[in-house]
Amino acid sequence: MTTAARLVLGDCERILADIKEDMPSELWRPRWAGLVALLRAVGHVLDKVDGARSPEAKRAIQAAWKDLSDSKPEPRIFWEFVEAERNNVLKT
């Protein structure tokens, strides 16, 4: 079964391929903004959509988020790139 989060992750992979293929382009910045927003959205979709499918999935997702939160600032790829760049692009 394909989860909703996997579909969002697939969108990220396609946008990244487009960015690499069409660099530089006038669409670079909006593609980048979309990519970082979707990268962070993977976790939200896991929680809100995939987690709603079963109590077991919800517990596993919540436990994984707690582990990620407790390990901050590691992994740096998440905290210093995914989270920080999403905030930079969408909130600043």
C-alpha atoms as a PDB file:
ATOM      1  CA  MET A   1       0.000   0.000   0.000  1.00  0.00           C
ATOM      2  CA  THR A   2       1.329   3.438  -0.935  1.00  0.00           C
ATOM      3  CA  THR A   3       1.016   5.920   1.875  1.00  0.00           C
ATOM      4  CA  ALA A   4       0.056   9.533   1.295  1.00  0.00           C
ATOM      5  CA  ALA A   5       3.457  10.591   2.651  1.00  0.00           C
ATOM      6  CA  ARG A   6       5.181   8.468  -0.003  1.00  0.00           C
ATOM      7  CA  LEU A   7       3.177  10.282  -2.692  1.00  0.00           C
ATOM      8  CA  VAL A   8       4.356  13.641  -1.313  1.00  0.00           C
ATOM      9  CA  LEU A   9       7.927  12.343  -1.178  1.00  0.00           C
ATOM     10  CA  GLY A  10       7.586  11.286  -4.821  1.00  0.00           C
ATOM     11  CA  ASP A  11       6.517  14.845  -5.650  1.00  0.00           C
ATOM     12  CA  CYS A  12       9.705  16.055  -3.946  1.00  0.00           C
ATOM     13  CA  GLU A  13      11.812  13.722  -6.070  1.00  0.00           C
ATOM     14  CA  ARG A  14      10.166  14.968  -9.287  1.00  0.00           C
ATOM     15  CA  ILE A  15      10.635  18.639  -8.357  1.00  0.00           C
ATOM     16  CA  LEU A  16      14.288  18.023  -7.486  1.00  0.00           C
ATOM     17  CA  ALA A  17      14.830  16.333 -10.858  1.00  0.00           C
ATOM     18  CA  ASP A  18      13.191  19.320 -12.597  1.00  0.00           C
ATOM     19  CA  ILE A  19      15.393  21.774 -10.698  1.00  0.00           C
ATOM     20  CA  LYS A  20      18.539  19.860 -11.634  1.00  0.00           C
ATOM     21  CA  GLU A  21      17.476  19.503 -15.270  1.00  0.00           C
ATOM     22  CA  ASP A  22      16.385  23.098 -15.828  1.00  0.00           C
ATOM     23  CA  MET A  23      19.000  25.078 -13.876  1.00  0.00           C
ATOM     24  CA  PRO A  24      19.219  28.037 -14.107  1.00  0.00           C
ATOM     25  CA  SER A  25      15.664  28.996 -14.815  1.00  0.00           C
ATOM     26  CA  GLU A  26      13.256  31.749 -13.901  1.00  0.00           C
ATOM     27  CA  LEU A  27      11.269  29.010 -12.145  1.00  0.00           C
ATOM     28  CA  TRP A  28      14.142  28.032  -9.841  1.00  0.00           C
ATOM     29  CA  ARG A  29      12.922  29.989  -6.792  1.00  0.00           C
ATOM     30  CA  PRO A  30       9.269  28.849  -6.850  1.00  0.00           C
ATOM     31  CA  ARG A  31      10.364  25.267  -7.473  1.00  0.00           C
ATOM     32  CA  TRP A  32      12.774  25.499  -4.539  1.00  0.00           C
ATOM     33  CA  ALA A  33      10.051  26.947  -2.298  1.00  0.00           C
ATOM     34  CA  GLY A  34       7.700  24.153  -3.327  1.00  0.00           C
ATOM     35  CA  LEU A  35      10.335  21.512  -2.742  1.00  0.00           C
ATOM     36  CA  VAL A  36      11.242  22.613   0.781  1.00  0.00           C
ATOM     37  CA  ALA A  37       7.572  23.064   1.696  1.00  0.00           C
ATOM     38  CA  LEU A  38       6.786  19.549   0.467  1.00  0.00           C
ATOM     39  CA  LEU A  39       9.825  18.053   2.214  1.00  0.00           C
ATOM     40  CA  ARG A  40       8.518  19.355   5.537  1.00  0.00           C
ATOM     41  CA  ALA A  41       4.958  18.408   4.603  1.00  0.00           C
ATOM     42  CA  VAL A  42       5.958  14.731   4.456  1.00  0.00           C
ATOM     43  CA  GLY A  43       5.936  14.632   8.268  1.00  0.00           C
ATOM     44  CA  HIS A  44       2.630  16.437   8.497  1.00  0.00           C
ATOM     45  CA  VAL A  45       1.031  14.063   5.982  1.00  0.00           C
ATOM     46  CA  LEU A  46       2.411  11.095   7.897  1.00  0.00           C
ATOM     47  CA  ASP A  47       0.803  12.421  11.065  1.00  0.00           C
ATOM     48  CA  LYS A  48      -2.516  13.756   9.792  1.00  0.00           C
ATOM     49  CA  VAL A  49      -3.301  11.448   6.857  1.00  0.00           C
ATOM     50  CA  ASP A  50      -1.362   8.207   7.248  1.00  0.00           C
ATOM     51  CA  GLY A  51      -1.642   8.286  11.028  1.00  0.00           C
ATOM     52  CA  ALA A  52      -5.416   8.537  10.765  1.00  0.00           C
ATOM     53  CA  ARG A  53      -5.548   5.193   8.951  1.00  0.00           C
ATOM     54  CA  SER A  54      -4.732   3.123  12.002  1.00  0.00           C
ATOM     55  CA  PRO A  55      -3.961   3.507  15.693  1.00  0.00           C
ATOM     56  CA  GLU A  56      -0.759   1.472  15.247  1.00  0.00           C
ATOM     57  CA  ALA A  57       0.488   3.778  12.516  1.00  0.00           C
ATOM     58  CA  LYS A  58      -0.397   6.837  14.601  1.00  0.00           C
ATOM     59  CA  ARG A  59       1.570   5.513  17.585  1.00  0.00           C
ATOM     60  CA  ALA A  60       4.590   4.650  15.416  1.00  0.00           C
ATOM     61  CA  ILE A  61       4.563   8.074  13.749  1.00  0.00           C
ATOM     62  CA  GLN A  62       4.226   9.893  17.073  1.00  0.00           C
ATOM     63  CA  ALA A  63       7.070   7.823  18.562  1.00  0.00           C
ATOM     64  CA  ALA A  64       9.289   8.581  15.559  1.00  0.00           C
ATOM     65  CA  TRP A  65       8.526  12.319  15.837  1.00  0.00           C
ATOM     66  CA  LYS A  66       9.343  12.245  19.573  1.00  0.00           C
ATOM     67  CA  ASP A  67      12.644  10.485  18.828  1.00  0.00           C
ATOM     68  CA  LEU A  68      13.447  13.071  16.130  1.00  0.00           C
ATOM     69  CA  SER A  69      12.550  15.959  18.432  1.00  0.00           C
ATOM     70  CA  ASP A  70      14.567  14.485  21.305  1.00  0.00           C
ATOM     71  CA  SER A  71      17.644  14.022  19.096  1.00  0.00           C
ATOM     72  CA  LYS A  72      17.772  17.670  18.006  1.00  0.00           C
ATOM     73  CA  PRO A  73      20.103  19.025  16.573  1.00  0.00           C
ATOM     74  CA  GLU A  74      20.649  15.653  14.897  1.00  0.00           C
ATOM     75  CA  PRO A  75      19.979  14.677  12.222  1.00  0.00           C
ATOM     76  CA  ARG A  76      21.265  17.943  10.836  1.00  0.00           C
ATOM     77  CA  ILE A  77      19.716  17.269   7.410  1.00  0.00           C
ATOM     78  CA  PHE A  78      16.294  17.667   9.003  1.00  0.00           C
ATOM     79  CA  TRP A  79      16.883  20.427  11.561  1.00  0.00           C
ATOM     80  CA  GLU A  80      19.387  22.560   9.650  1.00  0.00           C
ATOM     81  CA  PHE A  81      17.977  22.026   6.179  1.00  0.00           C
ATOM     82  CA  VAL A  82      14.403  20.754   5.932  1.00  0.00           C
ATOM     83  CA  GLU A  83      12.997  22.593   8.945  1.00  0.00           C
ATOM     84  CA  ALA A  84      15.206  25.684   8.755  1.00  0.00           C
ATOM     85  CA  GLU A  85      14.918  26.175   4.992  1.00  0.00           C
ATOM     86  CA  ARG A  86      11.143  25.662   5.066  1.00  0.00           C
ATOM     87  CA  ASN A  87      10.928  28.353   7.745  1.00  0.00           C
ATOM     88  CA  ASN A  88      13.287  30.587   5.753  1.00  0.00           C
ATOM     89  CA  VAL A  89      11.273  30.243   2.543  1.00  0.00           C
ATOM     90  CA  LEU A  90       7.751  30.266   3.951  1.00  0.00           C
ATOM     91  CA  LYS A  91       7.939  32.227   7.187  1.00  0.00           C
ATOM     92  CA  THR A  92      10.634  34.846   6.602  1.00  0.00           C
END
